[in-house]
Amino acid sequence: MKRINLLMIDNLFTANTQILSDNKVKDYFRLYGLKKQEAETLHRLCMALKIYVFYHHIFENYYLNYEIPQIGKEFDLLRIGTDSIINIELKSEKI
């Protein structure tokens, strides 16, 4: 599993929404289970964070759709730091 920069992934998906269907991109970033709704929610999260966060390092070192195979648990966004763990569950609602 690769650590990613949320802004890079967001920019990648925003620039070309069809990229979610490209297996080469999914293979490189290991994004096999990412759904279109999750990409849209990730975009909204990045936009909200950009308003309030002035340090770009906050977008670094996330795991997207990280799964623990032994127990079948999946984390939408997971960041493990030296003294903190951030676990974000991406949710969307039908309008």
N, C-alpha and C. Protein backbone atom coordinates (compact mmCIF):
# COMPACT_ATOMS: atom_id res chain seq x y z
N MET A 1 0.85 -1.17 0.00
CA MET A 1 0.00 0.00 0.00
C MET A 1 0.89 1.23 0.00
N LYS A 2 0.60 2.16 -0.90
CA LYS A 2 1.40 3.38 -1.02
C LYS A 2 0.76 4.52 -0.23
N ARG A 3 1.63 5.32 0.38
CA ARG A 3 1.16 6.55 1.00
C ARG A 3 0.98 7.58 -0.11
N ILE A 4 -0.07 8.38 0.02
CA ILE A 4 -0.39 9.34 -1.03
C ILE A 4 -0.55 10.73 -0.45
N ASN A 5 -0.50 11.70 -1.33
CA ASN A 5 -0.82 13.09 -1.02
C ASN A 5 -2.26 13.30 -1.46
N LEU A 6 -3.12 13.74 -0.54
CA LEU A 6 -4.54 13.90 -0.87
C LEU A 6 -4.77 14.90 -1.99
N LEU A 7 -4.00 15.99 -2.01
CA LEU A 7 -4.18 16.99 -3.06
C LEU A 7 -3.79 16.45 -4.43
N MET A 8 -2.75 15.64 -4.48
CA MET A 8 -2.34 15.05 -5.75
C MET A 8 -3.43 14.12 -6.29
N ILE A 9 -3.96 13.27 -5.43
CA ILE A 9 -5.02 12.36 -5.85
C ILE A 9 -6.26 13.14 -6.26
N ASP A 10 -6.61 14.16 -5.47
CA ASP A 10 -7.77 14.99 -5.80
C ASP A 10 -7.58 15.67 -7.15
N ASN A 11 -6.42 16.25 -7.38
CA ASN A 11 -6.16 16.91 -8.67
C ASN A 11 -6.20 15.93 -9.82
N LEU A 12 -5.70 14.74 -9.60
CA LEU A 12 -5.72 13.71 -10.63
C LEU A 12 -7.15 13.36 -11.03
N PHE A 13 -8.02 13.16 -10.04
CA PHE A 13 -9.41 12.79 -10.31
C PHE A 13 -10.21 13.97 -10.85
N THR A 14 -9.91 15.17 -10.38
CA THR A 14 -10.64 16.36 -10.82
C THR A 14 -10.30 16.68 -12.28
N ALA A 15 -9.05 16.49 -12.66
CA ALA A 15 -8.63 16.80 -14.03
C ALA A 15 -9.28 15.87 -15.05
N ASN A 16 -9.50 14.61 -14.64
CA ASN A 16 -10.06 13.64 -15.58
C ASN A 16 -10.86 12.62 -14.79
N THR A 17 -12.17 12.76 -14.81
CA THR A 17 -13.03 11.86 -14.03
C THR A 17 -13.00 10.43 -14.57
N GLN A 18 -12.60 10.25 -15.82
CA GLN A 18 -12.53 8.90 -16.39
C GLN A 18 -11.32 8.12 -15.87
N ILE A 19 -10.45 8.79 -15.16
CA ILE A 19 -9.23 8.13 -14.69
C ILE A 19 -9.53 7.04 -13.67
N LEU A 20 -10.70 7.13 -13.03
CA LEU A 20 -11.08 6.09 -12.09
C LEU A 20 -11.26 4.74 -12.76
N SER A 21 -11.51 4.74 -14.07
CA SER A 21 -11.68 3.48 -14.78
C SER A 21 -10.37 2.98 -15.40
N ASP A 22 -9.30 3.75 -15.28
CA ASP A 22 -8.01 3.37 -15.85
C ASP A 22 -7.28 2.42 -14.89
N ASN A 23 -7.09 1.19 -15.30
CA ASN A 23 -6.46 0.18 -14.45
C ASN A 23 -5.00 0.48 -14.15
N LYS A 24 -4.29 1.17 -15.06
CA LYS A 24 -2.89 1.51 -14.81
C LYS A 24 -2.76 2.46 -13.63
N VAL A 25 -3.65 3.43 -13.56
CA VAL A 25 -3.64 4.38 -12.44
C VAL A 25 -4.01 3.67 -11.16
N LYS A 26 -5.03 2.83 -11.22
CA LYS A 26 -5.44 2.06 -10.04
C LYS A 26 -4.33 1.14 -9.57
N ASP A 27 -3.62 0.53 -10.50
CA ASP A 27 -2.51 -0.35 -10.13
C ASP A 27 -1.38 0.43 -9.47
N TYR A 28 -1.03 1.58 -10.04
CA TYR A 28 0.08 2.37 -9.50
C TYR A 28 -0.21 2.83 -8.07
N PHE A 29 -1.41 3.37 -7.86
CA PHE A 29 -1.77 3.88 -6.54
C PHE A 29 -2.47 2.84 -5.66
N ARG A 30 -2.73 1.68 -6.23
CA ARG A 30 -3.43 0.59 -5.53
C ARG A 30 -4.79 1.07 -5.01
N LEU A 31 -5.56 1.60 -5.94
CA LEU A 31 -6.88 2.17 -5.62
C LEU A 31 -7.99 1.30 -6.19
N TYR A 32 -7.99 0.05 -5.89
CA TYR A 32 -8.93 -0.87 -6.52
C TYR A 32 -10.37 -0.66 -6.09
N GLY A 33 -10.61 -0.26 -4.85
CA GLY A 33 -11.98 -0.16 -4.36
C GLY A 33 -12.54 1.25 -4.34
N LEU A 34 -11.84 2.22 -4.95
CA LEU A 34 -12.30 3.60 -4.89
C LEU A 34 -13.50 3.81 -5.80
N LYS A 35 -14.58 4.32 -5.23
CA LYS A 35 -15.80 4.58 -5.99
C LYS A 35 -15.86 6.05 -6.37
N LYS A 36 -16.69 6.36 -7.35
CA LYS A 36 -16.83 7.74 -7.82
C LYS A 36 -17.31 8.64 -6.68
N GLN A 37 -18.25 8.15 -5.86
CA GLN A 37 -18.76 8.95 -4.75
C GLN A 37 -17.65 9.25 -3.74
N GLU A 38 -16.76 8.30 -3.52
CA GLU A 38 -15.65 8.52 -2.59
C GLU A 38 -14.69 9.57 -3.14
N ALA A 39 -14.44 9.54 -4.43
CA ALA A 39 -13.57 10.54 -5.05
C ALA A 39 -14.19 11.93 -4.93
N GLU A 40 -15.51 12.02 -5.10
CA GLU A 40 -16.20 13.31 -4.96
C GLU A 40 -16.15 13.80 -3.52
N THR A 41 -16.33 12.90 -2.57
CA THR A 41 -16.26 13.26 -1.16
C THR A 41 -14.85 13.68 -0.78
N LEU A 42 -13.86 12.99 -1.31
CA LEU A 42 -12.46 13.35 -1.08
C LEU A 42 -12.18 14.75 -1.60
N HIS A 43 -12.74 15.08 -2.75
CA HIS A 43 -12.59 16.42 -3.32
C HIS A 43 -13.19 17.48 -2.39
N ARG A 44 -14.38 17.23 -1.88
CA ARG A 44 -15.02 18.18 -0.96
C ARG A 44 -14.20 18.33 0.32
N LEU A 45 -13.65 17.24 0.81
CA LEU A 45 -12.81 17.29 2.01
C LEU A 45 -11.57 18.15 1.76
N CYS A 46 -10.91 17.95 0.63
CA CYS A 46 -9.72 18.73 0.30
C CYS A 46 -10.05 20.21 0.17
N MET A 47 -11.17 20.52 -0.45
CA MET A 47 -11.57 21.93 -0.59
C MET A 47 -11.82 22.56 0.78
N ALA A 48 -12.48 21.84 1.66
CA ALA A 48 -12.75 22.35 3.00
C ALA A 48 -11.46 22.53 3.80
N LEU A 49 -10.55 21.58 3.70
CA LEU A 49 -9.28 21.69 4.43
C LEU A 49 -8.43 22.83 3.92
N LYS A 50 -8.44 23.08 2.62
CA LYS A 50 -7.64 24.18 2.05
C LYS A 50 -8.05 25.53 2.63
N ILE A 51 -9.31 25.67 2.99
CA ILE A 51 -9.80 26.93 3.55
C ILE A 51 -9.21 27.19 4.93
N TYR A 52 -9.07 26.14 5.74
CA TYR A 52 -8.69 26.30 7.13
C TYR A 52 -7.26 25.89 7.46
N VAL A 53 -6.60 25.18 6.57
CA VAL A 53 -5.27 24.66 6.87
C VAL A 53 -4.24 25.38 6.01
N PHE A 54 -3.21 25.91 6.65
CA PHE A 54 -2.19 26.65 5.93
C PHE A 54 -0.92 25.84 5.70
N TYR A 55 -0.87 24.63 6.23
CA TYR A 55 0.31 23.79 6.09
C TYR A 55 0.00 22.64 5.13
N HIS A 56 0.71 22.61 4.04
CA HIS A 56 0.42 21.58 3.03
C HIS A 56 0.87 20.19 3.45
N HIS A 57 1.72 20.09 4.45
CA HIS A 57 2.15 18.76 4.89
C HIS A 57 0.99 17.97 5.52
N ILE A 58 -0.09 18.65 5.87
CA ILE A 58 -1.25 17.96 6.45
C ILE A 58 -1.91 17.03 5.42
N PHE A 59 -1.65 17.26 4.14
CA PHE A 59 -2.22 16.44 3.07
C PHE A 59 -1.35 15.23 2.71
N GLU A 60 -0.18 15.12 3.34
CA GLU A 60 0.79 14.07 3.01
C GLU A 60 0.56 12.78 3.80
N ASN A 61 1.05 11.68 3.24
CA ASN A 61 1.19 10.40 3.92
C ASN A 61 -0.12 9.74 4.36
N TYR A 62 -1.10 9.76 3.50
CA TYR A 62 -2.37 9.07 3.77
C TYR A 62 -2.40 7.74 3.02
N TYR A 63 -3.10 6.81 3.58
CA TYR A 63 -3.42 5.57 2.89
C TYR A 63 -4.88 5.66 2.50
N LEU A 64 -5.17 5.40 1.24
CA LEU A 64 -6.54 5.47 0.73
C LEU A 64 -7.05 4.06 0.54
N ASN A 65 -8.19 3.76 1.16
CA ASN A 65 -8.80 2.42 1.12
C ASN A 65 -7.86 1.35 1.64
N TYR A 66 -7.26 1.63 2.77
CA TYR A 66 -6.34 0.69 3.41
C TYR A 66 -7.14 -0.45 4.03
N GLU A 67 -6.71 -1.67 3.77
CA GLU A 67 -7.43 -2.84 4.29
C GLU A 67 -6.49 -3.73 5.08
N ILE A 68 -6.99 -4.20 6.22
CA ILE A 68 -6.27 -5.19 7.01
C ILE A 68 -6.84 -6.55 6.61
N PRO A 69 -6.09 -7.32 5.83
CA PRO A 69 -6.63 -8.57 5.27
C PRO A 69 -7.03 -9.59 6.33
N GLN A 70 -6.31 -9.64 7.43
CA GLN A 70 -6.58 -10.66 8.44
C GLN A 70 -7.97 -10.52 9.05
N ILE A 71 -8.46 -9.29 9.14
CA ILE A 71 -9.78 -9.09 9.76
C ILE A 71 -10.81 -8.51 8.79
N GLY A 72 -10.37 -8.16 7.56
CA GLY A 72 -11.31 -7.64 6.57
C GLY A 72 -11.78 -6.24 6.86
N LYS A 73 -11.06 -5.48 7.65
CA LYS A 73 -11.43 -4.11 7.99
C LYS A 73 -10.81 -3.15 6.99
N GLU A 74 -11.61 -2.21 6.47
CA GLU A 74 -11.11 -1.23 5.52
C GLU A 74 -11.25 0.16 6.10
N PHE A 75 -10.23 0.98 5.86
CA PHE A 75 -10.22 2.38 6.28
C PHE A 75 -10.21 3.24 5.02
N ASP A 76 -11.16 4.18 4.91
CA ASP A 76 -11.21 5.04 3.72
C ASP A 76 -9.95 5.90 3.63
N LEU A 77 -9.66 6.66 4.67
CA LEU A 77 -8.44 7.47 4.75
C LEU A 77 -7.78 7.20 6.08
N LEU A 78 -6.52 6.85 6.04
CA LEU A 78 -5.79 6.54 7.26
C LEU A 78 -4.43 7.21 7.19
N ARG A 79 -4.08 7.91 8.27
CA ARG A 79 -2.76 8.52 8.37
C ARG A 79 -2.18 8.17 9.73
N ILE A 80 -0.99 7.58 9.71
CA ILE A 80 -0.35 7.16 10.95
C ILE A 80 0.88 8.03 11.16
N GLY A 81 0.83 8.84 12.22
CA GLY A 81 1.95 9.72 12.56
C GLY A 81 2.72 9.18 13.74
N THR A 82 3.71 9.94 14.17
CA THR A 82 4.53 9.50 15.30
C THR A 82 3.75 9.55 16.61
N ASP A 83 2.82 10.49 16.73
CA ASP A 83 2.05 10.57 17.97
C ASP A 83 0.55 10.70 17.74
N SER A 84 0.10 10.37 16.53
CA SER A 84 -1.33 10.44 16.25
C SER A 84 -1.71 9.50 15.12
N ILE A 85 -2.97 9.15 15.09
CA ILE A 85 -3.55 8.36 14.01
C ILE A 85 -4.82 9.07 13.57
N ILE A 86 -4.95 9.29 12.27
CA ILE A 86 -6.13 9.92 11.72
C ILE A 86 -6.86 8.89 10.88
N ASN A 87 -8.12 8.67 11.20
CA ASN A 87 -8.97 7.73 10.46
C ASN A 87 -10.20 8.51 10.02
N ILE A 88 -10.38 8.68 8.71
CA ILE A 88 -11.50 9.43 8.17
C ILE A 88 -12.35 8.48 7.34
N GLU A 89 -13.60 8.43 7.66
CA GLU A 89 -14.56 7.63 6.90
C GLU A 89 -15.26 8.57 5.91
N LEU A 90 -15.12 8.31 4.62
CA LEU A 90 -15.74 9.16 3.59
C LEU A 90 -17.20 8.76 3.43
N LYS A 91 -18.08 9.71 3.62
CA LYS A 91 -19.53 9.47 3.51
C LYS A 91 -20.09 10.41 2.46
N SER A 92 -21.15 9.98 1.83
CA SER A 92 -21.88 10.84 0.90
C SER A 92 -23.35 10.58 1.09
N GLU A 93 -24.14 11.52 0.62
CA GLU A 93 -25.59 11.36 0.75
C GLU A 93 -26.24 11.62 -0.59
N LYS A 94 -27.36 10.99 -0.80
CA LYS A 94 -28.12 11.21 -2.02
C LYS A 94 -28.88 12.50 -1.88
N ILE A 95 -28.84 13.28 -2.97
CA ILE A 95 -29.55 14.57 -2.97
C ILE A 95 -30.79 14.47 -3.80
